Amino acid sequence: MTEQPTVPAEDGANQRGRRWRLVLGEPAAEQFAGLGGADLEMDGALAALYDADTTNRRGGLGASAPSVARWLGDIRKYFPSTVVQVMQHDAVTRLNLHALLTEPELIDSVEPDIDMVTTLIGLGRAIPESSKASARALVRKVVDEVEKRIAERTRSAVGAAVDRASRVHRPKLRDIDWNATIARNLHNYLPEQKTIVPERLVGHGRRAQVVSKDIILAIDQSGSMARSIVYASIFGAVIATMRSVRTSLVVFDTEVVDLTDHLDDPVDVLFGTALGGGTDINRAIAYCQDLITRPNDSIFVLISDLYEGGVRDEMLKRVAHMQAAGVQVVVLLALSDEGAPAFDREIAGALAAMGIPAFACTPDAFPDLLAVAINRGDIVGWADANELSRRGMSDEE
């Protein structure tokens, strides 16, 4: 971790003046004492970003990759990583640095975070060959960090749910789960006989050796869904490692791309997406219907803002047919910490009328949501209990 520069001890008034000067920039130079040393360099880094405007470019990072690389180095030197991430994001949006991020020396200087990953994924094929290795390395670092955070909980929640869903209560003798059976019947212990009367047998049957559930993730590639694609790809890769679950991952705009074969590496999945473009949800659902061979053991998760560019009525009919066939359908407006972006409220209302709520879900809550879906629990009640059903709704609702 980069060491922060040491600042000499100052009295309270001077310290407050120094901070206000750094916050307000050069226009406040007359009201507060001048800056020097490290403070002057910090002020320069802030001015390059926040004193720039589109008319006279009082500040600015210049048009060259080396000047931006130096600036990235300066902010990492003088500010903590959380502040660096905010400044990087502001630089991309305020100063339109997308094109410069195709330079390998810039990518190597960036503090890795979700925003930078979504920016690089958005650039996609615009990243030149000379920068692709650096771009993949940055994306890899963020993906590994997120996977480390979610993997254990996801496998635990999904594995336990699959186990509960696959248990049978009239097992053959060779298929009895004795530990589970004893635990279930402890209240029937007879002290005088020192034995348990097993009123209810619990077993796994032969399912322990085969796939118990099919999970199909269908992800909208529109620009507002960038963070959702990152998280869904990582979750898909984690779930795909579980032998009791068959996982499929499909991304779509007006075309449908099946990335299931890339689930062993979520970085490949991310670079296989193409953010932006139109949306044909109906076409994507039609493709996913063909993947479903065991409706009663299938969970279909659609992650989309629901703005349909295809045939809206046909899309809703397909969802209704899925549900009627026994598929557990889940619709997420977003899979991120930011809540839902703008979404089509008419379609969301039509889905709700079918008993399929559409809401935004955080990555931390997603494993529990899958567990509820696998066990065919009350998703509406679960979402309400976790205060997810209103995520992304406008204030007037």
Foldseek 3Di string as FASTA:
>chain_A
DADADDDDDDDPVLVVLLVVCLVVAPVCPVVGPDDDDLSVLSSLLCCQQPVQDDPPGPHHQDDDLVSLLVSLVSCVNHDPLVVSVVSVLSCCVHVVCLLSLLDQSNLQSHDADLSLLLSVLQCQPVRDPVNPVSNLVSLVVHLVVVLVVQQVVLCVLLVVLLQVLQKDFDEDPVFFPVVVQCVVFVVQQDVVVRDTDRPTTIGRHPLVVAAQAEEEEEEEQESQASSQLSLVLSSQLSVCVDRNYHYWYWYFFPDIDTCSVVSPPSSVVSSVGHYHDHHALLVVLVVVVVVDDDLQRYEYEYAALAPHPHDLVSSLVSVLVSVVVNHQYAYEQYAAPQFHDHHDVVSQVSCVVVVHHYWHHYSVCVSNLSSCSSNVHNNVVVCVVVVTRCTPPDPVD
